[in-house]
Amino acid sequence: MTLLNILHYPDNKLRQKGVNIHAFDEKLERTANDMLETMYQSKGIGLAAVQVNLPIRLIVIDISESRNEPLFLVNPSIKEKK
């Protein structure tokens, strides 16, 4: 796996909108796993693709204590704001 470079505020690239993903192929699976490894190495619980300068709509999350229950969110959207 490859560790990715995480962008930090105030980098303007963090404001870019990701494009929708239409197929979860092998390349995207490798990207998601690279993001997951980067997140674990950074001791985070979540990482969006835009944070590693990838303009796609993908988020990886793992909030488990044992760090072995990853969740991959593809094309997430907010349905309701309160």
C-alpha atoms as a PDB file:
ATOM      1  CA  MET A   1       0.000   0.000   0.000  1.00  0.00           C
ATOM      2  CA  THR A   2       0.997   3.578  -0.573  1.00  0.00           C
ATOM      3  CA  LEU A   3       0.830   6.341   2.021  1.00  0.00           C
ATOM      4  CA  LEU A   4      -0.740   9.457   0.567  1.00  0.00           C
ATOM      5  CA  ASN A   5       0.090  13.091   1.287  1.00  0.00           C
ATOM      6  CA  ILE A   6      -2.629  14.745   3.397  1.00  0.00           C
ATOM      7  CA  LEU A   7      -3.507  18.338   2.532  1.00  0.00           C
ATOM      8  CA  HIS A   8      -3.926  20.773   5.415  1.00  0.00           C
ATOM      9  CA  TYR A   9      -5.958  23.938   5.869  1.00  0.00           C
ATOM     10  CA  PRO A  10      -5.774  26.543   4.325  1.00  0.00           C
ATOM     11  CA  ASP A  11      -4.902  24.642   1.123  1.00  0.00           C
ATOM     12  CA  ASN A  12      -7.483  25.723  -1.471  1.00  0.00           C
ATOM     13  CA  LYS A  13      -7.543  22.216  -2.948  1.00  0.00           C
ATOM     14  CA  LEU A  14      -9.593  21.210   0.098  1.00  0.00           C
ATOM     15  CA  ARG A  15     -12.483  23.264  -1.346  1.00  0.00           C
ATOM     16  CA  GLN A  16     -12.685  21.326  -4.603  1.00  0.00           C
ATOM     17  CA  LYS A  17     -15.821  19.290  -5.203  1.00  0.00           C
ATOM     18  CA  GLY A  18     -15.403  15.626  -5.895  1.00  0.00           C
ATOM     19  CA  VAL A  19     -16.929  13.953  -8.910  1.00  0.00           C
ATOM     20  CA  ASN A  20     -19.314  11.024  -8.563  1.00  0.00           C
ATOM     21  CA  ILE A  21     -17.921   7.523  -8.730  1.00  0.00           C
ATOM     22  CA  HIS A  22     -19.638   5.271 -11.256  1.00  0.00           C
ATOM     23  CA  ALA A  23     -17.795   1.979 -10.695  1.00  0.00           C
ATOM     24  CA  PHE A  24     -15.935   0.538  -7.740  1.00  0.00           C
ATOM     25  CA  ASP A  25     -13.193  -1.181  -9.733  1.00  0.00           C
ATOM     26  CA  GLU A  26      -9.772  -2.543  -8.714  1.00  0.00           C
ATOM     27  CA  LYS A  27      -8.111   0.861  -9.091  1.00  0.00           C
ATOM     28  CA  LEU A  28     -10.652   2.500  -6.776  1.00  0.00           C
ATOM     29  CA  GLU A  29     -10.291  -0.358  -4.300  1.00  0.00           C
ATOM     30  CA  ARG A  30      -6.508   0.228  -4.196  1.00  0.00           C
ATOM     31  CA  THR A  31      -7.114   3.951  -3.720  1.00  0.00           C
ATOM     32  CA  ALA A  32      -9.555   3.301  -0.872  1.00  0.00           C
ATOM     33  CA  ASN A  33      -7.091   0.941   0.810  1.00  0.00           C
ATOM     34  CA  ASP A  34      -4.275   3.500   0.400  1.00  0.00           C
ATOM     35  CA  MET A  35      -6.525   6.114   1.996  1.00  0.00           C
ATOM     36  CA  LEU A  36      -7.323   3.727   4.835  1.00  0.00           C
ATOM     37  CA  GLU A  37      -3.631   3.007   5.467  1.00  0.00           C
ATOM     38  CA  THR A  38      -2.876   6.754   5.369  1.00  0.00           C
ATOM     39  CA  MET A  39      -5.670   7.405   7.867  1.00  0.00           C
ATOM     40  CA  TYR A  40      -4.427   4.674  10.223  1.00  0.00           C
ATOM     41  CA  GLN A  41      -0.837   5.961  10.044  1.00  0.00           C
ATOM     42  CA  SER A  42      -2.090   9.467  10.877  1.00  0.00           C
ATOM     43  CA  LYS A  43      -4.091   8.115  13.820  1.00  0.00           C
ATOM     44  CA  GLY A  44      -7.315   9.458  12.314  1.00  0.00           C
ATOM     45  CA  ILE A  45     -10.813   8.010  12.267  1.00  0.00           C
ATOM     46  CA  GLY A  46     -11.856   9.289   8.841  1.00  0.00           C
ATOM     47  CA  LEU A  47     -10.393  10.629   5.623  1.00  0.00           C
ATOM     48  CA  ALA A  48     -12.025  12.111   2.528  1.00  0.00           C
ATOM     49  CA  ALA A  49     -10.475  11.704  -0.907  1.00  0.00           C
ATOM     50  CA  VAL A  50     -10.262  15.479  -1.325  1.00  0.00           C
ATOM     51  CA  GLN A  51      -7.943  15.554   1.719  1.00  0.00           C
ATOM     52  CA  VAL A  52      -5.407  13.522  -0.262  1.00  0.00           C
ATOM     53  CA  ASN A  53      -5.897  15.637  -3.403  1.00  0.00           C
ATOM     54  CA  LEU A  54      -8.215  13.198  -5.166  1.00  0.00           C
ATOM     55  CA  PRO A  55     -11.296  15.002  -6.546  1.00  0.00           C
ATOM     56  CA  ILE A  56     -13.675  12.069  -6.122  1.00  0.00           C
ATOM     57  CA  ARG A  57     -16.552  11.444  -3.714  1.00  0.00           C
ATOM     58  CA  LEU A  58     -15.043   8.822  -1.424  1.00  0.00           C
ATOM     59  CA  ILE A  59     -14.616   8.723   2.359  1.00  0.00           C
ATOM     60  CA  VAL A  60     -12.988   6.047   4.506  1.00  0.00           C
ATOM     61  CA  ILE A  61     -13.888   5.695   8.184  1.00  0.00           C
ATOM     62  CA  ASP A  62     -12.993   3.330  11.019  1.00  0.00           C
ATOM     63  CA  ILE A  63     -14.257   4.212  14.484  1.00  0.00           C
ATOM     64  CA  SER A  64     -13.771   0.739  15.964  1.00  0.00           C
ATOM     65  CA  GLU A  65     -11.460   0.439  18.954  1.00  0.00           C
ATOM     66  CA  SER A  66      -9.596  -2.447  17.335  1.00  0.00           C
ATOM     67  CA  ARG A  67      -9.199  -0.525  14.045  1.00  0.00           C
ATOM     68  CA  ASN A  68     -10.475  -3.440  11.982  1.00  0.00           C
ATOM     69  CA  GLU A  69     -13.957  -2.340  10.880  1.00  0.00           C
ATOM     70  CA  PRO A  70     -13.403   0.045   7.963  1.00  0.00           C
ATOM     71  CA  LEU A  71     -16.334   1.698   6.237  1.00  0.00           C
ATOM     72  CA  PHE A  72     -16.108   3.029   2.692  1.00  0.00           C
ATOM     73  CA  LEU A  73     -18.592   5.742   1.717  1.00  0.00           C
ATOM     74  CA  VAL A  74     -19.007   6.176  -2.039  1.00  0.00           C
ATOM     75  CA  ASN A  75     -20.892   9.250  -3.311  1.00  0.00           C
ATOM     76  CA  PRO A  76     -22.165  10.212   0.159  1.00  0.00           C
ATOM     77  CA  SER A  77     -24.814  12.903   0.387  1.00  0.00           C
ATOM     78  CA  ILE A  78     -26.624  14.773   3.146  1.00  0.00           C
ATOM     79  CA  LYS A  79     -30.347  14.074   2.901  1.00  0.00           C
ATOM     80  CA  GLU A  80     -31.529  16.436   5.614  1.00  0.00           C
ATOM     81  CA  LYS A  81     -30.030  19.380   7.456  1.00  0.00           C
ATOM     82  CA  LYS A  82     -31.244  20.270  10.923  1.00  0.00           C
END
